[in-house]
Protein backbone atom coordinates (compact mmCIF):
# COMPACT_ATOMS: atom_id res chain seq x y z
CA UNK A 1 -25.54 31.07 -51.52
CA UNK A 2 -27.60 32.46 -48.67
CA UNK A 3 -29.50 29.17 -48.46
CA UNK A 4 -26.21 27.27 -48.17
CA UNK A 5 -25.05 29.55 -45.36
CA UNK A 6 -28.35 29.12 -43.55
CA UNK A 7 -28.09 25.35 -43.93
CA UNK A 8 -24.52 25.30 -42.59
CA UNK A 9 -25.54 27.54 -39.68
CA UNK A 10 -28.47 25.26 -38.87
CA UNK A 11 -26.20 22.20 -38.93
CA UNK A 12 -23.77 23.93 -36.59
CA UNK A 13 -26.57 24.87 -34.22
CA UNK A 14 -27.92 21.32 -34.22
CA UNK A 15 -24.46 19.89 -33.51
CA UNK A 16 -23.97 22.34 -30.65
CA UNK A 17 -27.33 21.41 -29.15
CA UNK A 18 -26.50 17.71 -29.48
CA UNK A 19 -23.17 18.22 -27.71
CA UNK A 20 -24.82 20.23 -24.93
CA UNK A 21 -27.46 17.53 -24.46
CA UNK A 22 -24.75 14.87 -24.27
CA UNK A 23 -22.79 16.92 -21.78
CA UNK A 24 -25.96 17.45 -19.76
CA UNK A 25 -26.47 13.69 -19.58
CA UNK A 26 -22.87 13.24 -18.42
CA UNK A 27 -23.25 15.89 -15.72
CA UNK A 28 -26.53 14.42 -14.52
CA UNK A 29 -25.04 10.91 -14.47
CA UNK A 30 -21.99 12.13 -12.56
CA UNK A 31 -24.15 13.93 -9.99
CA UNK A 32 -26.35 10.86 -9.45
CA UNK A 33 -23.36 8.52 -9.10
CA UNK A 34 -21.75 10.94 -6.64
CA UNK A 35 -24.87 10.83 -4.48
CA UNK A 36 -25.04 7.02 -4.73
CA UNK A 37 -21.39 6.67 -3.71
CA UNK A 38 -22.15 8.53 -0.47
CA UNK A 39 -24.85 6.06 0.63
CA UNK A 40 -22.51 3.73 2.58
CA UNK A 41 -21.15 6.78 4.46
CA UNK A 42 -24.57 8.31 5.16
CA UNK A 43 -24.24 8.01 8.94
CA UNK A 44 -20.84 9.76 8.81
CA UNK A 45 -22.00 12.80 6.81
CA UNK A 46 -22.25 16.22 8.50
CA UNK A 47 -25.24 16.62 10.80
CA UNK A 48 -26.85 19.29 8.63
CA UNK A 49 -26.84 17.01 5.59
CA UNK A 50 -28.15 14.04 7.60
CA UNK A 51 -30.97 16.13 9.09
CA UNK A 52 -31.94 17.56 5.69
CA UNK A 53 -32.03 14.07 4.18
CA UNK A 54 -34.09 12.78 7.11
CA UNK A 55 -36.70 15.45 6.42
CA UNK A 56 -37.35 13.90 3.01
CA UNK A 57 -37.35 10.36 4.37
CA UNK A 58 -33.76 9.34 3.60
CA UNK A 59 -32.24 7.82 6.73
CA UNK A 60 -29.82 5.04 7.62
CA UNK A 61 -32.81 2.91 8.64
CA UNK A 62 -34.65 3.35 5.33
CA UNK A 63 -35.14 -0.01 3.63
CA UNK A 64 -33.69 1.13 0.25
CA UNK A 65 -30.65 2.66 1.97
CA UNK A 66 -30.00 -0.50 3.99
CA UNK A 67 -30.37 -2.61 0.84
CA UNK A 68 -27.89 -0.45 -1.10
CA UNK A 69 -25.33 0.34 1.61
CA UNK A 70 -23.87 -3.17 1.97
CA UNK A 71 -23.21 -3.94 -1.73
CA UNK A 72 -22.01 -0.38 -2.38
CA UNK A 73 -19.55 -0.24 0.54
CA UNK A 74 -16.65 -2.06 -1.22
CA UNK A 75 -16.94 0.10 -4.37
CA UNK A 76 -17.91 3.43 -2.82
CA UNK A 77 -14.49 5.04 -3.17
CA UNK A 78 -13.80 4.05 -6.81
CA UNK A 79 -17.40 4.93 -7.66
CA UNK A 80 -16.87 8.41 -6.19
CA UNK A 81 -13.71 8.85 -8.26
CA UNK A 82 -15.51 7.68 -11.40
CA UNK A 83 -18.42 10.03 -10.80
CA UNK A 84 -16.03 12.97 -10.33
CA UNK A 85 -14.38 12.10 -13.64
CA UNK A 86 -17.75 11.93 -15.41
CA UNK A 87 -18.71 15.32 -13.94
CA UNK A 88 -15.45 16.87 -15.08
CA UNK A 89 -15.82 15.45 -18.60
CA UNK A 90 -19.38 16.77 -18.76
CA UNK A 91 -18.09 20.28 -18.02
CA UNK A 92 -15.22 20.23 -20.54
CA UNK A 93 -17.26 21.83 -23.31
CA UNK A 94 -17.98 24.87 -21.16
CA UNK A 95 -14.38 25.69 -20.35
CA UNK A 96 -11.72 25.39 -17.71
CA UNK A 97 -13.52 27.04 -14.79
CA UNK A 98 -16.49 24.64 -14.37
CA UNK A 99 -14.23 21.66 -15.10
CA UNK A 100 -11.72 22.62 -12.40
CA UNK A 101 -14.52 23.48 -9.96
CA UNK A 102 -16.04 20.02 -10.42
CA UNK A 103 -12.69 18.25 -10.10
CA UNK A 104 -11.59 20.23 -7.02
CA UNK A 105 -15.00 19.94 -5.39
CA UNK A 106 -15.13 16.18 -5.90
CA UNK A 107 -11.59 15.78 -4.58
CA UNK A 108 -12.41 17.76 -1.43
CA UNK A 109 -15.53 15.65 -0.83
CA UNK A 110 -13.42 12.50 -1.12
CA UNK A 111 -10.75 13.85 1.26
CA UNK A 112 -13.44 14.92 3.74
CA UNK A 113 -15.11 11.50 3.76
CA UNK A 114 -12.14 9.13 3.59
CA UNK A 115 -8.86 10.88 4.42
CA UNK A 116 -9.12 13.88 6.75
CA UNK A 117 -11.95 12.49 8.85
CA UNK A 118 -12.74 13.77 12.33
CA UNK A 119 -12.37 11.24 15.16
CA UNK A 120 -15.59 10.05 16.78
CA UNK A 121 -15.69 11.09 20.41
CA UNK A 122 -18.19 9.90 22.97
CA UNK A 123 -19.99 13.25 22.78
CA UNK A 124 -20.15 13.11 18.96
CA UNK A 125 -21.38 9.55 19.14
CA UNK A 126 -24.16 10.49 21.56
CA UNK A 127 -25.13 13.39 19.30
CA UNK A 128 -25.24 11.07 16.31
CA UNK A 129 -27.63 8.74 18.10
CA UNK A 130 -29.95 11.71 18.69
CA UNK A 131 -30.08 12.56 14.98
CA UNK A 132 -33.11 11.46 12.98
CA UNK A 133 -32.55 8.07 11.44
CA UNK A 134 -29.30 7.33 13.28
CA UNK A 135 -29.08 3.72 14.47
CA UNK A 136 -27.94 2.79 17.93
CA UNK A 137 -24.19 2.36 18.19
CA UNK A 138 -24.29 -0.91 20.10
CA UNK A 139 -26.63 -3.84 20.26
CA UNK A 140 -27.00 -5.49 23.66
CA UNK A 141 -28.33 -9.00 23.78
CA UNK A 142 -31.38 -9.66 25.91
CA UNK A 143 -31.57 -12.36 28.58
CA UNK A 144 -33.34 -14.82 26.30
CA UNK A 145 -30.73 -14.26 23.59
CA UNK A 146 -27.82 -14.81 25.98
CA UNK A 147 -29.34 -18.10 27.12
CA UNK A 148 -29.55 -19.39 23.57
CA UNK A 149 -26.22 -17.94 22.50
CA UNK A 150 -27.94 -15.74 19.93
CA UNK A 151 -27.28 -12.02 19.60
CA UNK A 152 -29.41 -9.31 18.17
CA UNK A 153 -28.88 -8.42 14.52
CA UNK A 154 -26.26 -5.68 14.43
CA UNK A 155 -26.17 -5.04 10.70
CA UNK A 156 -27.33 -1.46 11.21
CA UNK A 157 -25.33 -0.89 14.39
CA UNK A 158 -21.71 0.13 14.29
CA UNK A 159 -19.70 0.15 17.55
CA UNK A 160 -17.92 3.42 18.20
CA UNK A 161 -14.53 1.69 18.14
CA UNK A 162 -15.15 0.50 14.55
CA UNK A 163 -16.33 3.82 13.14
CA UNK A 164 -13.87 5.29 10.61
CA UNK A 165 -14.62 8.83 11.74
CA UNK A 166 -17.01 11.64 11.03
CA UNK A 167 -16.81 13.48 7.73
CA UNK A 168 -14.65 16.59 7.91
CA UNK A 169 -17.37 19.25 7.75
CA UNK A 170 -15.34 22.26 6.48
CA UNK A 171 -13.80 20.23 3.67
CA UNK A 172 -17.10 18.55 2.79
CA UNK A 173 -19.09 21.78 2.62
CA UNK A 174 -16.32 23.51 0.65
CA UNK A 175 -16.30 20.64 -1.84
CA UNK A 176 -20.09 20.68 -2.06
CA UNK A 177 -20.10 24.43 -2.78
CA UNK A 178 -17.48 23.96 -5.51
CA UNK A 179 -19.50 21.14 -7.09
CA UNK A 180 -22.66 23.24 -7.08
CA UNK A 181 -20.65 26.20 -8.36
CA UNK A 182 -19.49 24.18 -11.36
CA UNK A 183 -23.12 23.71 -12.40
CA UNK A 184 -23.88 27.40 -11.85
CA UNK A 185 -20.90 28.57 -13.93
CA UNK A 186 -21.64 26.03 -16.66
CA UNK A 187 -25.31 27.01 -16.82
CA UNK A 188 -24.46 30.71 -16.88
CA UNK A 189 -22.02 30.22 -19.75
CA UNK A 190 -24.50 28.12 -21.70
CA UNK A 191 -27.18 30.75 -21.26
CA UNK A 192 -24.84 33.45 -22.57
CA UNK A 193 -23.52 31.09 -25.28
CA UNK A 194 -20.01 31.76 -23.97
CA UNK A 195 -18.84 28.15 -23.63
CA UNK A 196 -15.32 27.52 -24.87
CA UNK A 197 -14.20 23.86 -24.96
CA UNK A 198 -11.35 23.03 -22.60
CA UNK A 199 -8.80 20.48 -23.83
CA UNK A 200 -6.68 19.53 -20.80
CA UNK A 201 -4.36 17.16 -22.64
CA UNK A 202 -3.63 19.69 -25.36
CA UNK A 203 -3.03 22.34 -22.72
CA UNK A 204 -0.64 20.05 -20.86
CA UNK A 205 1.15 19.10 -24.05
CA UNK A 206 1.57 22.75 -25.02
CA UNK A 207 2.95 23.55 -21.55
CA UNK A 208 5.48 20.70 -21.81
CA UNK A 209 6.56 21.84 -25.27
CA UNK A 210 7.13 25.38 -24.01
CA UNK A 211 9.29 24.06 -21.17
CA UNK A 212 11.35 21.84 -23.44
């Protein structure tokens, strides 16, 4: 009998470890996709983030960034939403708190980058040009180019009038803190073996039944 109990306990432990590993893969995948979705908006990110990335060699003029930015631009927003969903699903097994932190943090990052953006003023634009890795805002054709009707390649240059706006820094940093907090809470609960699965659809269904 004791051997059967030990075997059942071992199977339960193995299943729990398998679920945690799967959730870890989901969280890692969501985090990577979130970072990738921000590549087309790299120049619009808060100055502190841009400077920190420039210190490790990630700038708007980096060859890999230039190669990825153009194909990613049309799908950046849906990719960000998808990555937020993957992050939230990865946190479900550790309870409501990390799941809601991930969802709220991702939503705030999206709002900061695409909805509540800060307008680009001339001063902000000049400051952006002074940042490491920031491309020039305009491309002026040289005399030889004007004679031949050719203009300089402006793929990496965005005129100030066409810029969607700078990322809303307070919202972005708040969202980033919430996203990081979701990993901290999840890791803390896993370490203490205090994870309780969160079933949002069952919770919603129960709430609707109580109201009916």
